């Protein structure tokens, strides 16, 4: 973690501590357990979520005004996190306890002895003990993605500028789209939903790994559902970071590979940020686990040499395709038998 990041994280934790002291004397108004679902297989099950004192977000409505979209978008980031909440997480008859951290997040790792249902195993998370006057079950259901034994491979995909047009390299454009749009108005790249459905087929799981903050989980899940992408776990990151630093995309991918040791994977990303380097590292560190790497070309300056630097000396055993559009990915994937 760099000095600037450490200062930012420290300032966030100081502000959170002040807010927590002030709010601890007030009764909770909208206690809720927000789950981000999970994924699991022979390597175990991982479930994530957050405990907040905020009402659920309003649903996007076709034809709504910009004001409604902006209010909903702002509500995603103006949150009251609840630290130190003890929870019970249950999957397939196995229960573990978890406690929320200083930002209200929890992560539970389970090793059920029962056979998991495919493609989705149901689970629940509930209060393990009363918290600031709130008691009762407060049970929230969630779903765990469990690959079918017949799956040929898994898909790991970035989100921003890989399946959804975001403009990460244009900060103003990105912020405008983030705060004035909704899952109903944001558009995928042409051909992307059809490509992902064909890659998924009947049994292949899709994992969406992104540097977007967890605050956007509800929006991104709604976008995937509305645009008819195959649903799968969304593995995001904290908005600012923890004292140990931001959870890296590389770490999320490592988690997927560890929990699903019998699967090989296809990796999809874009050239705008660090996907080529991250994916190159994964290919080198996990020989035999990656079938192909597809990078959507979105750079403002395609001649900057960053992608070419990564691919110098690339192993011919794993195709690396810099693709102009979804059709280019489709043609190559079909040529090597992925479709």
C-alpha atoms as a PDB file:
ATOM      1  CA  UNK A   1       0.000   0.000   0.000  1.00  0.00           C
ATOM      2  CA  UNK A   2       1.455   3.397  -1.010  1.00  0.00           C
ATOM      3  CA  UNK A   3       1.721   6.420   1.283  1.00  0.00           C
ATOM      4  CA  UNK A   4      -1.237   8.185  -0.334  1.00  0.00           C
ATOM      5  CA  UNK A   5      -3.375   5.052   0.025  1.00  0.00           C
ATOM      6  CA  UNK A   6      -2.347   4.636   3.687  1.00  0.00           C
ATOM      7  CA  UNK A   7      -3.338   8.237   4.402  1.00  0.00           C
ATOM      8  CA  UNK A   8      -6.685   7.759   2.660  1.00  0.00           C
ATOM      9  CA  UNK A   9      -7.408   4.543   4.544  1.00  0.00           C
ATOM     10  CA  UNK A  10      -6.348   6.113   7.840  1.00  0.00           C
ATOM     11  CA  UNK A  11      -8.596   9.132   7.265  1.00  0.00           C
ATOM     12  CA  UNK A  12     -11.520   6.841   6.430  1.00  0.00           C
ATOM     13  CA  UNK A  13     -11.065   4.791   9.616  1.00  0.00           C
ATOM     14  CA  UNK A  14     -10.755   7.925  11.754  1.00  0.00           C
ATOM     15  CA  UNK A  15     -13.953   9.336  10.277  1.00  0.00           C
ATOM     16  CA  UNK A  16     -15.714   5.968  10.683  1.00  0.00           C
ATOM     17  CA  UNK A  17     -14.700   5.845  14.366  1.00  0.00           C
ATOM     18  CA  UNK A  18     -16.139   9.324  14.966  1.00  0.00           C
ATOM     19  CA  UNK A  19     -19.385   8.412  13.197  1.00  0.00           C
ATOM     20  CA  UNK A  20     -19.635   5.137  15.110  1.00  0.00           C
ATOM     21  CA  UNK A  21     -19.287   6.853  18.501  1.00  0.00           C
ATOM     22  CA  UNK A  22     -22.007   9.313  17.591  1.00  0.00           C
ATOM     23  CA  UNK A  23     -24.372   6.692  16.228  1.00  0.00           C
ATOM     24  CA  UNK A  24     -23.828   4.107  18.949  1.00  0.00           C
ATOM     25  CA  UNK A  25     -26.055   6.195  21.227  1.00  0.00           C
ATOM     26  CA  UNK A  26     -28.914   6.185  18.717  1.00  0.00           C
ATOM     27  CA  UNK A  27     -31.334   3.311  18.073  1.00  0.00           C
ATOM     28  CA  UNK A  28     -30.957   1.466  14.772  1.00  0.00           C
ATOM     29  CA  UNK A  29     -33.563   2.400  12.183  1.00  0.00           C
ATOM     30  CA  UNK A  30     -33.039   0.099   9.193  1.00  0.00           C
ATOM     31  CA  UNK A  31     -30.933  -2.850  10.356  1.00  0.00           C
ATOM     32  CA  UNK A  32     -30.378  -5.290   7.511  1.00  0.00           C
ATOM     33  CA  UNK A  33     -27.999  -8.016   6.432  1.00  0.00           C
ATOM     34  CA  UNK A  34     -26.986  -7.565   2.803  1.00  0.00           C
ATOM     35  CA  UNK A  35     -25.538 -10.682   1.204  1.00  0.00           C
ATOM     36  CA  UNK A  36     -23.337 -10.864  -1.873  1.00  0.00           C
ATOM     37  CA  UNK A  37     -23.899 -14.586  -2.333  1.00  0.00           C
ATOM     38  CA  UNK A  38     -21.055 -17.034  -2.643  1.00  0.00           C
ATOM     39  CA  UNK A  39     -19.403 -19.767  -4.629  1.00  0.00           C
ATOM     40  CA  UNK A  40     -18.096 -23.163  -3.746  1.00  0.00           C
ATOM     41  CA  UNK A  41     -16.965 -26.582  -4.766  1.00  0.00           C
ATOM     42  CA  UNK A  42     -14.460 -29.244  -3.682  1.00  0.00           C
ATOM     43  CA  UNK A  43     -12.256 -26.569  -2.106  1.00  0.00           C
ATOM     44  CA  UNK A  44     -14.999 -25.239   0.183  1.00  0.00           C
ATOM     45  CA  UNK A  45     -17.506 -22.401   0.128  1.00  0.00           C
ATOM     46  CA  UNK A  46     -16.938 -18.663   0.558  1.00  0.00           C
ATOM     47  CA  UNK A  47     -19.829 -16.299   1.374  1.00  0.00           C
ATOM     48  CA  UNK A  48     -19.651 -12.513   1.667  1.00  0.00           C
ATOM     49  CA  UNK A  49     -21.925  -9.699   2.711  1.00  0.00           C
ATOM     50  CA  UNK A  50     -22.335  -6.543   4.747  1.00  0.00           C
ATOM     51  CA  UNK A  51     -24.473  -5.402   7.666  1.00  0.00           C
ATOM     52  CA  UNK A  52     -25.927  -1.900   7.356  1.00  0.00           C
ATOM     53  CA  UNK A  53     -28.399   0.472   8.951  1.00  0.00           C
ATOM     54  CA  UNK A  54     -29.805   1.681   5.635  1.00  0.00           C
ATOM     55  CA  UNK A  55     -33.110   0.943   3.914  1.00  0.00           C
ATOM     56  CA  UNK A  56     -32.845  -1.238   0.790  1.00  0.00           C
ATOM     57  CA  UNK A  57     -32.278   0.624  -2.467  1.00  0.00           C
ATOM     58  CA  UNK A  58     -35.299   1.533  -4.550  1.00  0.00           C
ATOM     59  CA  UNK A  59     -35.741  -0.435  -7.766  1.00  0.00           C
ATOM     60  CA  UNK A  60     -35.028   1.211 -11.103  1.00  0.00           C
ATOM     61  CA  UNK A  61     -38.130   1.959 -13.158  1.00  0.00           C
ATOM     62  CA  UNK A  62     -38.270   2.369 -16.920  1.00  0.00           C
ATOM     63  CA  UNK A  63     -38.631   6.026 -17.872  1.00  0.00           C
ATOM     64  CA  UNK A  64     -37.655   7.394 -14.468  1.00  0.00           C
ATOM     65  CA  UNK A  65     -36.004  10.810 -14.337  1.00  0.00           C
ATOM     66  CA  UNK A  66     -32.327  11.570 -13.818  1.00  0.00           C
ATOM     67  CA  UNK A  67     -33.089  12.809 -10.295  1.00  0.00           C
ATOM     68  CA  UNK A  68     -34.365   9.387  -9.195  1.00  0.00           C
ATOM     69  CA  UNK A  69     -31.307   7.672 -10.679  1.00  0.00           C
ATOM     70  CA  UNK A  70     -28.911  10.082  -8.976  1.00  0.00           C
ATOM     71  CA  UNK A  71     -30.630   9.652  -5.591  1.00  0.00           C
ATOM     72  CA  UNK A  72     -30.415   5.878  -5.885  1.00  0.00           C
ATOM     73  CA  UNK A  73     -26.779   6.024  -6.977  1.00  0.00           C
ATOM     74  CA  UNK A  74     -25.850   8.304  -4.087  1.00  0.00           C
ATOM     75  CA  UNK A  75     -27.650   5.999  -1.639  1.00  0.00           C
ATOM     76  CA  UNK A  76     -25.322   3.166  -2.704  1.00  0.00           C
ATOM     77  CA  UNK A  77     -22.355   5.088  -1.318  1.00  0.00           C
ATOM     78  CA  UNK A  78     -23.874   6.922   1.667  1.00  0.00           C
ATOM     79  CA  UNK A  79     -24.047   3.944   4.009  1.00  0.00           C
ATOM     80  CA  UNK A  80     -24.148   3.355   7.757  1.00  0.00           C
ATOM     81  CA  UNK A  81     -21.923   0.317   8.355  1.00  0.00           C
ATOM     82  CA  UNK A  82     -22.303  -1.807  11.477  1.00  0.00           C
ATOM     83  CA  UNK A  83     -19.066  -3.300  12.871  1.00  0.00           C
ATOM     84  CA  UNK A  84     -18.794  -6.126  15.385  1.00  0.00           C
ATOM     85  CA  UNK A  85     -22.049  -7.853  14.433  1.00  0.00           C
ATOM     86  CA  UNK A  86     -21.906 -11.586  15.174  1.00  0.00           C
ATOM     87  CA  UNK A  87     -23.577 -13.725  12.518  1.00  0.00           C
ATOM     88  CA  UNK A  88     -24.335 -17.374  11.792  1.00  0.00           C
ATOM     89  CA  UNK A  89     -23.868 -18.520   8.200  1.00  0.00           C
ATOM     90  CA  UNK A  90     -25.378 -21.854   7.142  1.00  0.00           C
ATOM     91  CA  UNK A  91     -24.833 -23.783   3.902  1.00  0.00           C
ATOM     92  CA  UNK A  92     -25.930 -27.390   3.287  1.00  0.00           C
ATOM     93  CA  UNK A  93     -26.342 -28.129   6.996  1.00  0.00           C
ATOM     94  CA  UNK A  94     -22.957 -26.673   7.998  1.00  0.00           C
ATOM     95  CA  UNK A  95     -22.883 -23.529  10.154  1.00  0.00           C
ATOM     96  CA  UNK A  96     -20.027 -21.165  10.983  1.00  0.00           C
ATOM     97  CA  UNK A  97     -19.914 -17.845  12.801  1.00  0.00           C
ATOM     98  CA  UNK A  98     -18.582 -14.610  11.343  1.00  0.00           C
ATOM     99  CA  UNK A  99     -18.194 -11.081  12.707  1.00  0.00           C
ATOM    100  CA  UNK A 100     -18.409  -7.891  10.659  1.00  0.00           C
ATOM    101  CA  UNK A 101     -15.262  -5.787  10.374  1.00  0.00           C
ATOM    102  CA  UNK A 102     -14.938  -2.027  10.859  1.00  0.00           C
ATOM    103  CA  UNK A 103     -16.678  -1.367   7.532  1.00  0.00           C
ATOM    104  CA  UNK A 104     -19.543  -3.784   8.192  1.00  0.00           C
ATOM    105  CA  UNK A 105     -18.251  -6.531   5.881  1.00  0.00           C
ATOM    106  CA  UNK A 106     -18.215 -10.220   6.689  1.00  0.00           C
ATOM    107  CA  UNK A 107     -16.599 -13.196   4.984  1.00  0.00           C
ATOM    108  CA  UNK A 108     -17.386 -16.774   5.928  1.00  0.00           C
ATOM    109  CA  UNK A 109     -15.575 -19.899   4.759  1.00  0.00           C
ATOM    110  CA  UNK A 110     -17.342 -23.230   5.142  1.00  0.00           C
ATOM    111  CA  UNK A 111     -16.526 -26.850   4.371  1.00  0.00           C
ATOM    112  CA  UNK A 112     -19.888 -28.652   4.142  1.00  0.00           C
ATOM    113  CA  UNK A 113     -19.819 -32.431   4.337  1.00  0.00           C
ATOM    114  CA  UNK A 114     -23.096 -32.771   2.431  1.00  0.00           C
ATOM    115  CA  UNK A 115     -23.181 -32.801  -1.367  1.00  0.00           C
ATOM    116  CA  UNK A 116     -23.920 -29.302  -2.653  1.00  0.00           C
ATOM    117  CA  UNK A 117     -26.841 -28.681  -4.986  1.00  0.00           C
ATOM    118  CA  UNK A 118     -25.993 -27.548  -8.525  1.00  0.00           C
ATOM    119  CA  UNK A 119     -26.082 -25.035 -10.057  1.00  0.00           C
ATOM    120  CA  UNK A 120     -27.173 -23.104  -6.946  1.00  0.00           C
ATOM    121  CA  UNK A 121     -27.053 -24.092  -3.288  1.00  0.00           C
ATOM    122  CA  UNK A 122     -29.271 -22.099  -0.938  1.00  0.00           C
ATOM    123  CA  UNK A 123     -27.941 -20.739   2.336  1.00  0.00           C
ATOM    124  CA  UNK A 124     -28.875 -18.326   5.123  1.00  0.00           C
ATOM    125  CA  UNK A 125     -27.163 -15.754   7.324  1.00  0.00           C
ATOM    126  CA  UNK A 126     -28.700 -14.582  10.598  1.00  0.00           C
ATOM    127  CA  UNK A 127     -27.888 -12.762  13.810  1.00  0.00           C
ATOM    128  CA  UNK A 128     -25.961 -14.916  16.284  1.00  0.00           C
ATOM    129  CA  UNK A 129     -26.804 -12.611  19.192  1.00  0.00           C
ATOM    130  CA  UNK A 130     -28.606  -9.351  19.878  1.00  0.00           C
ATOM    131  CA  UNK A 131     -26.921  -6.233  18.532  1.00  0.00           C
ATOM    132  CA  UNK A 132     -27.659  -2.751  19.903  1.00  0.00           C
ATOM    133  CA  UNK A 133     -31.202  -3.669  20.783  1.00  0.00           C
ATOM    134  CA  UNK A 134     -31.886  -5.651  17.615  1.00  0.00           C
ATOM    135  CA  UNK A 135     -32.672  -9.311  18.167  1.00  0.00           C
ATOM    136  CA  UNK A 136     -34.730 -12.025  16.540  1.00  0.00           C
ATOM    137  CA  UNK A 137     -33.696 -14.098  13.549  1.00  0.00           C
ATOM    138  CA  UNK A 138     -33.203 -11.389  10.927  1.00  0.00           C
ATOM    139  CA  UNK A 139     -32.501 -14.211   8.481  1.00  0.00           C
ATOM    140  CA  UNK A 140     -31.345 -13.347   4.962  1.00  0.00           C
ATOM    141  CA  UNK A 141     -31.184 -16.024   2.248  1.00  0.00           C
ATOM    142  CA  UNK A 142     -28.477 -16.206  -0.391  1.00  0.00           C
ATOM    143  CA  UNK A 143     -27.339 -18.455  -3.231  1.00  0.00           C
ATOM    144  CA  UNK A 144     -23.988 -20.184  -3.710  1.00  0.00           C
ATOM    145  CA  UNK A 145     -22.821 -20.953  -7.258  1.00  0.00           C
ATOM    146  CA  UNK A 146     -21.789 -24.604  -7.461  1.00  0.00           C
ATOM    147  CA  UNK A 147     -20.399 -25.774 -10.825  1.00  0.00           C
ATOM    148  CA  UNK A 148     -21.875 -28.926 -12.306  1.00  0.00           C
ATOM    149  CA  UNK A 149     -19.452 -31.872 -12.641  1.00  0.00           C
ATOM    150  CA  UNK A 150     -20.221 -31.764 -16.376  1.00  0.00           C
ATOM    151  CA  UNK A 151     -18.777 -28.247 -16.726  1.00  0.00           C
ATOM    152  CA  UNK A 152     -16.068 -28.148 -19.414  1.00  0.00           C
ATOM    153  CA  UNK A 153     -14.456 -24.956 -18.052  1.00  0.00           C
ATOM    154  CA  UNK A 154     -15.229 -21.822 -16.089  1.00  0.00           C
ATOM    155  CA  UNK A 155     -15.242 -18.204 -17.228  1.00  0.00           C
ATOM    156  CA  UNK A 156     -13.620 -15.381 -15.242  1.00  0.00           C
ATOM    157  CA  UNK A 157     -14.508 -11.939 -16.559  1.00  0.00           C
ATOM    158  CA  UNK A 158     -13.852  -8.332 -15.709  1.00  0.00           C
ATOM    159  CA  UNK A 159     -16.884  -6.016 -15.802  1.00  0.00           C
ATOM    160  CA  UNK A 160     -16.041  -2.365 -16.506  1.00  0.00           C
ATOM    161  CA  UNK A 161     -15.161  -1.835 -20.176  1.00  0.00           C
ATOM    162  CA  UNK A 162     -15.237  -5.594 -20.708  1.00  0.00           C
ATOM    163  CA  UNK A 163     -18.979  -6.276 -20.738  1.00  0.00           C
ATOM    164  CA  UNK A 164     -20.390  -2.847 -19.875  1.00  0.00           C
ATOM    165  CA  UNK A 165     -19.334   0.430 -21.474  1.00  0.00           C
ATOM    166  CA  UNK A 166     -17.948   2.488 -18.594  1.00  0.00           C
ATOM    167  CA  UNK A 167     -15.159   4.730 -19.864  1.00  0.00           C
ATOM    168  CA  UNK A 168     -12.788   3.988 -16.970  1.00  0.00           C
ATOM    169  CA  UNK A 169     -10.056   5.961 -18.719  1.00  0.00           C
ATOM    170  CA  UNK A 170     -12.315   9.009 -18.886  1.00  0.00           C
ATOM    171  CA  UNK A 171     -13.000   9.810 -15.237  1.00  0.00           C
ATOM    172  CA  UNK A 172     -15.701  12.409 -15.921  1.00  0.00           C
ATOM    173  CA  UNK A 173     -17.586  10.130 -18.295  1.00  0.00           C
ATOM    174  CA  UNK A 174     -17.351   7.229 -15.852  1.00  0.00           C
ATOM    175  CA  UNK A 175     -18.733   9.271 -12.942  1.00  0.00           C
ATOM    176  CA  UNK A 176     -21.548  10.675 -15.083  1.00  0.00           C
ATOM    177  CA  UNK A 177     -22.639   7.204 -16.190  1.00  0.00           C
ATOM    178  CA  UNK A 178     -22.300   5.782 -12.679  1.00  0.00           C
ATOM    179  CA  UNK A 179     -24.493   8.390 -11.010  1.00  0.00           C
ATOM    180  CA  UNK A 180     -27.082   9.160 -13.712  1.00  0.00           C
ATOM    181  CA  UNK A 181     -27.747   5.677 -15.094  1.00  0.00           C
ATOM    182  CA  UNK A 182     -29.337   2.474 -13.822  1.00  0.00           C
ATOM    183  CA  UNK A 183     -29.275  -1.203 -14.654  1.00  0.00           C
ATOM    184  CA  UNK A 184     -32.080  -0.497 -17.125  1.00  0.00           C
ATOM    185  CA  UNK A 185     -30.262   2.258 -19.030  1.00  0.00           C
ATOM    186  CA  UNK A 186     -26.624   1.120 -19.038  1.00  0.00           C
ATOM    187  CA  UNK A 187     -25.669  -0.750 -22.193  1.00  0.00           C
ATOM    188  CA  UNK A 188     -23.446  -3.791 -22.722  1.00  0.00           C
ATOM    189  CA  UNK A 189     -20.989  -4.010 -25.572  1.00  0.00           C
ATOM    190  CA  UNK A 190     -22.694  -5.321 -28.725  1.00  0.00           C
ATOM    191  CA  UNK A 191     -22.785  -9.101 -28.793  1.00  0.00           C
ATOM    192  CA  UNK A 192     -21.467  -9.517 -25.243  1.00  0.00           C
ATOM    193  CA  UNK A 193     -24.587 -11.092 -23.648  1.00  0.00           C
ATOM    194  CA  UNK A 194     -24.874 -13.637 -26.469  1.00  0.00           C
ATOM    195  CA  UNK A 195     -21.153 -14.445 -26.314  1.00  0.00           C
ATOM    196  CA  UNK A 196     -21.248 -15.041 -22.555  1.00  0.00           C
ATOM    197  CA  UNK A 197     -24.375 -17.190 -22.788  1.00  0.00           C
ATOM    198  CA  UNK A 198     -22.690 -19.340 -25.425  1.00  0.00           C
ATOM    199  CA  UNK A 199     -19.481 -19.644 -23.393  1.00  0.00           C
ATOM    200  CA  UNK A 200     -21.521 -20.633 -20.338  1.00  0.00           C
ATOM    201  CA  UNK A 201     -23.620 -23.158 -22.246  1.00  0.00           C
ATOM    202  CA  UNK A 202     -25.673 -25.327 -19.910  1.00  0.00           C
ATOM    203  CA  UNK A 203     -23.067 -26.068 -17.246  1.00  0.00           C
ATOM    204  CA  UNK A 204     -20.039 -23.718 -17.367  1.00  0.00           C
ATOM    205  CA  UNK A 205     -19.955 -21.230 -14.440  1.00  0.00           C
ATOM    206  CA  UNK A 206     -19.169 -17.534 -14.934  1.00  0.00           C
ATOM    207  CA  UNK A 207     -17.392 -15.450 -12.272  1.00  0.00           C
ATOM    208  CA  UNK A 208     -17.357 -11.656 -12.536  1.00  0.00           C
ATOM    209  CA  UNK A 209     -14.219 -10.230 -10.904  1.00  0.00           C
ATOM    210  CA  UNK A 210     -14.005  -6.443 -10.847  1.00  0.00           C
ATOM    211  CA  UNK A 211     -12.282  -3.488  -9.203  1.00  0.00           C
ATOM    212  CA  UNK A 212     -15.703  -1.863  -8.786  1.00  0.00           C
ATOM    213  CA  UNK A 213     -16.680  -1.305  -5.129  1.00  0.00           C
ATOM    214  CA  UNK A 214     -19.095  -3.575  -3.288  1.00  0.00           C
ATOM    215  CA  UNK A 215     -21.446  -0.574  -3.152  1.00  0.00           C
ATOM    216  CA  UNK A 216     -22.329  -1.343  -6.793  1.00  0.00           C
ATOM    217  CA  UNK A 217     -23.186  -5.012  -6.198  1.00  0.00           C
ATOM    218  CA  UNK A 218     -26.969  -4.503  -6.413  1.00  0.00           C
ATOM    219  CA  UNK A 219     -26.632  -2.414  -9.579  1.00  0.00           C
ATOM    220  CA  UNK A 220     -24.294  -4.858 -11.319  1.00  0.00           C
ATOM    221  CA  UNK A 221     -26.417  -7.882 -10.413  1.00  0.00           C
ATOM    222  CA  UNK A 222     -29.463  -6.071 -11.783  1.00  0.00           C
ATOM    223  CA  UNK A 223     -27.585  -5.181 -14.963  1.00  0.00           C
ATOM    224  CA  UNK A 224     -26.548  -8.793 -15.559  1.00  0.00           C
ATOM    225  CA  UNK A 225     -30.094 -10.012 -15.004  1.00  0.00           C
ATOM    226  CA  UNK A 226     -31.719  -7.287 -17.130  1.00  0.00           C
ATOM    227  CA  UNK A 227     -29.301  -7.753 -20.044  1.00  0.00           C
ATOM    228  CA  UNK A 228     -29.588 -11.557 -19.882  1.00  0.00           C
ATOM    229  CA  UNK A 229     -25.975 -12.366 -19.040  1.00  0.00           C
ATOM    230  CA  UNK A 230     -25.430 -15.717 -17.285  1.00  0.00           C
ATOM    231  CA  UNK A 231     -25.629 -15.011 -13.566  1.00  0.00           C
ATOM    232  CA  UNK A 232     -22.644 -15.762 -11.386  1.00  0.00           C
ATOM    233  CA  UNK A 233     -20.765 -14.499  -8.330  1.00  0.00           C
ATOM    234  CA  UNK A 234     -19.711 -10.851  -8.379  1.00  0.00           C
ATOM    235  CA  UNK A 235     -16.361 -10.503  -6.611  1.00  0.00           C
ATOM    236  CA  UNK A 236     -15.686  -6.801  -6.016  1.00  0.00           C
ATOM    237  CA  UNK A 237     -13.605  -4.737  -3.541  1.00  0.00           C
ATOM    238  CA  UNK A 238     -13.918  -2.223  -0.714  1.00  0.00           C
ATOM    239  CA  UNK A 239     -14.397   1.367  -1.898  1.00  0.00           C
ATOM    240  CA  UNK A 240     -11.308   2.763  -0.134  1.00  0.00           C
ATOM    241  CA  UNK A 241      -9.531  -0.227   1.346  1.00  0.00           C
ATOM    242  CA  UNK A 242      -8.586  -1.698   4.696  1.00  0.00           C
ATOM    243  CA  UNK A 243      -5.415  -1.226   6.694  1.00  0.00           C
ATOM    244  CA  UNK A 244      -4.067  -4.257   4.844  1.00  0.00           C
ATOM    245  CA  UNK A 245      -4.772  -2.622   1.486  1.00  0.00           C
ATOM    246  CA  UNK A 246      -7.362  -3.116  -1.179  1.00  0.00           C
ATOM    247  CA  UNK A 247      -8.343  -6.642  -2.055  1.00  0.00           C
ATOM    248  CA  UNK A 248      -6.646  -7.177  -5.393  1.00  0.00           C
ATOM    249  CA  UNK A 249      -8.344  -8.632  -8.436  1.00  0.00           C
ATOM    250  CA  UNK A 250      -5.486 -11.122  -8.555  1.00  0.00           C
ATOM    251  CA  UNK A 251      -6.460 -12.392  -5.081  1.00  0.00           C
ATOM    252  CA  UNK A 252     -10.096 -12.839  -6.119  1.00  0.00           C
ATOM    253  CA  UNK A 253      -9.034 -14.925  -9.107  1.00  0.00           C
ATOM    254  CA  UNK A 254      -6.759 -17.004  -6.884  1.00  0.00           C
ATOM    255  CA  UNK A 255      -9.766 -17.681  -4.641  1.00  0.00           C
ATOM    256  CA  UNK A 256     -11.835 -18.909  -7.596  1.00  0.00           C
ATOM    257  CA  UNK A 257      -9.074 -21.227  -8.761  1.00  0.00           C
ATOM    258  CA  UNK A 258      -8.586 -22.616  -5.239  1.00  0.00           C
ATOM    259  CA  UNK A 259     -12.282 -23.340  -4.640  1.00  0.00           C
ATOM    260  CA  UNK A 260     -12.712 -24.982  -8.051  1.00  0.00           C
ATOM    261  CA  UNK A 261      -9.526 -27.044  -8.520  1.00  0.00           C
ATOM    262  CA  UNK A 262     -11.042 -29.356 -11.151  1.00  0.00           C
ATOM    263  CA  UNK A 263     -11.865 -26.536 -13.597  1.00  0.00           C
ATOM    264  CA  UNK A 264      -9.806 -24.841 -16.255  1.00  0.00           C
ATOM    265  CA  UNK A 265     -10.727 -21.253 -17.082  1.00  0.00           C
ATOM    266  CA  UNK A 266     -11.150 -18.730 -19.857  1.00  0.00           C
ATOM    267  CA  UNK A 267     -10.181 -15.178 -18.830  1.00  0.00           C
ATOM    268  CA  UNK A 268     -11.798 -12.072 -20.332  1.00  0.00           C
ATOM    269  CA  UNK A 269     -10.793  -8.468 -19.627  1.00  0.00           C
ATOM    270  CA  UNK A 270      -9.897  -5.185 -21.293  1.00  0.00           C
ATOM    271  CA  UNK A 271      -6.778  -3.240 -22.191  1.00  0.00           C
ATOM    272  CA  UNK A 272      -7.732  -0.084 -20.285  1.00  0.00           C
ATOM    273  CA  UNK A 273      -6.111  -0.884 -16.958  1.00  0.00           C
ATOM    274  CA  UNK A 274      -4.234  -3.873 -15.509  1.00  0.00           C
ATOM    275  CA  UNK A 275      -6.100  -6.931 -16.798  1.00  0.00           C
ATOM    276  CA  UNK A 276      -3.358  -8.022 -19.261  1.00  0.00           C
ATOM    277  CA  UNK A 277      -0.686  -8.032 -16.541  1.00  0.00           C
ATOM    278  CA  UNK A 278      -2.925  -9.673 -13.935  1.00  0.00           C
ATOM    279  CA  UNK A 279      -3.973 -12.406 -16.349  1.00  0.00           C
ATOM    280  CA  UNK A 280      -0.367 -12.954 -17.472  1.00  0.00           C
ATOM    281  CA  UNK A 281       0.618 -13.494 -13.844  1.00  0.00           C
ATOM    282  CA  UNK A 282      -2.226 -15.988 -13.361  1.00  0.00           C
ATOM    283  CA  UNK A 283      -1.187 -17.940 -16.480  1.00  0.00           C
ATOM    284  CA  UNK A 284       2.417 -18.160 -15.264  1.00  0.00           C
ATOM    285  CA  UNK A 285       1.492 -19.061 -11.677  1.00  0.00           C
ATOM    286  CA  UNK A 286      -1.082 -21.713 -12.639  1.00  0.00           C
ATOM    287  CA  UNK A 287       0.186 -23.693 -15.608  1.00  0.00           C
ATOM    288  CA  UNK A 288      -2.484 -25.772 -17.271  1.00  0.00           C
ATOM    289  CA  UNK A 289      -5.407 -23.934 -15.629  1.00  0.00           C
ATOM    290  CA  UNK A 290      -6.038 -21.260 -18.307  1.00  0.00           C
ATOM    291  CA  UNK A 291      -7.355 -22.203 -21.746  1.00  0.00           C
ATOM    292  CA  UNK A 292      -7.338 -18.737 -23.337  1.00  0.00           C
ATOM    293  CA  UNK A 293      -7.074 -15.014 -22.519  1.00  0.00           C
ATOM    294  CA  UNK A 294      -9.249 -12.454 -24.335  1.00  0.00           C
ATOM    295  CA  UNK A 295      -8.587  -8.722 -23.966  1.00  0.00           C
ATOM    296  CA  UNK A 296     -11.034  -6.165 -25.383  1.00  0.00           C
ATOM    297  CA  UNK A 297      -9.165  -3.231 -26.924  1.00  0.00           C
ATOM    298  CA  UNK A 298     -10.451  -0.014 -25.300  1.00  0.00           C
ATOM    299  CA  UNK A 299      -7.272   2.070 -24.926  1.00  0.00           C
ATOM    300  CA  UNK A 300      -7.365   5.732 -25.874  1.00  0.00           C
ATOM    301  CA  UNK A 301      -3.883   5.166 -27.301  1.00  0.00           C
ATOM    302  CA  UNK A 302      -3.639   1.591 -28.644  1.00  0.00           C
ATOM    303  CA  UNK A 303      -0.006   2.229 -29.484  1.00  0.00           C
ATOM    304  CA  UNK A 304       1.133   2.811 -25.920  1.00  0.00           C
ATOM    305  CA  UNK A 305       2.862  -0.590 -25.865  1.00  0.00           C
ATOM    306  CA  UNK A 306       1.469  -1.758 -22.517  1.00  0.00           C
ATOM    307  CA  UNK A 307      -0.257  -4.863 -23.854  1.00  0.00           C
ATOM    308  CA  UNK A 308       2.634  -5.727 -26.137  1.00  0.00           C
ATOM    309  CA  UNK A 309       5.034  -5.509 -23.201  1.00  0.00           C
ATOM    310  CA  UNK A 310       2.972  -8.100 -21.327  1.00  0.00           C
ATOM    311  CA  UNK A 311       2.745 -10.473 -24.268  1.00  0.00           C
ATOM    312  CA  UNK A 312       6.452 -10.456 -25.152  1.00  0.00           C
ATOM    313  CA  UNK A 313       7.604 -14.003 -24.584  1.00  0.00           C
ATOM    314  CA  UNK A 314       4.032 -15.232 -24.063  1.00  0.00           C
ATOM    315  CA  UNK A 315       3.629 -18.995 -23.972  1.00  0.00           C
ATOM    316  CA  UNK A 316       2.080 -20.327 -27.180  1.00  0.00           C
ATOM    317  CA  UNK A 317       0.263 -22.952 -25.104  1.00  0.00           C
ATOM    318  CA  UNK A 318      -2.287 -20.337 -23.974  1.00  0.00           C
ATOM    319  CA  UNK A 319      -3.822 -18.143 -26.697  1.00  0.00           C
ATOM    320  CA  UNK A 320      -3.727 -14.399 -25.953  1.00  0.00           C
ATOM    321  CA  UNK A 321      -6.192 -12.509 -28.149  1.00  0.00           C
ATOM    322  CA  UNK A 322      -6.409  -8.707 -28.289  1.00  0.00           C
ATOM    323  CA  UNK A 323      -9.924  -8.337 -29.684  1.00  0.00           C
ATOM    324  CA  UNK A 324     -11.636  -5.340 -31.251  1.00  0.00           C
ATOM    325  CA  UNK A 325     -15.121  -6.597 -30.398  1.00  0.00           C
ATOM    326  CA  UNK A 326     -17.209  -9.540 -29.201  1.00  0.00           C
ATOM    327  CA  UNK A 327     -17.293 -11.066 -32.684  1.00  0.00           C
ATOM    328  CA  UNK A 328     -13.503 -11.377 -32.716  1.00  0.00           C
ATOM    329  CA  UNK A 329     -13.623 -13.227 -29.399  1.00  0.00           C
ATOM    330  CA  UNK A 330     -16.415 -15.450 -30.715  1.00  0.00           C
ATOM    331  CA  UNK A 331     -14.518 -16.400 -33.864  1.00  0.00           C
ATOM    332  CA  UNK A 332     -11.387 -17.377 -31.981  1.00  0.00           C
ATOM    333  CA  UNK A 333     -13.270 -19.206 -29.207  1.00  0.00           C
ATOM    334  CA  UNK A 334     -15.124 -21.222 -31.824  1.00  0.00           C
ATOM    335  CA  UNK A 335     -11.859 -22.043 -33.622  1.00  0.00           C
ATOM    336  CA  UNK A 336     -10.381 -23.706 -30.522  1.00  0.00           C
ATOM    337  CA  UNK A 337     -13.567 -25.544 -29.527  1.00  0.00           C
ATOM    338  CA  UNK A 338     -14.790 -23.391 -26.639  1.00  0.00           C
ATOM    339  CA  UNK A 339     -18.205 -22.786 -28.224  1.00  0.00           C
END
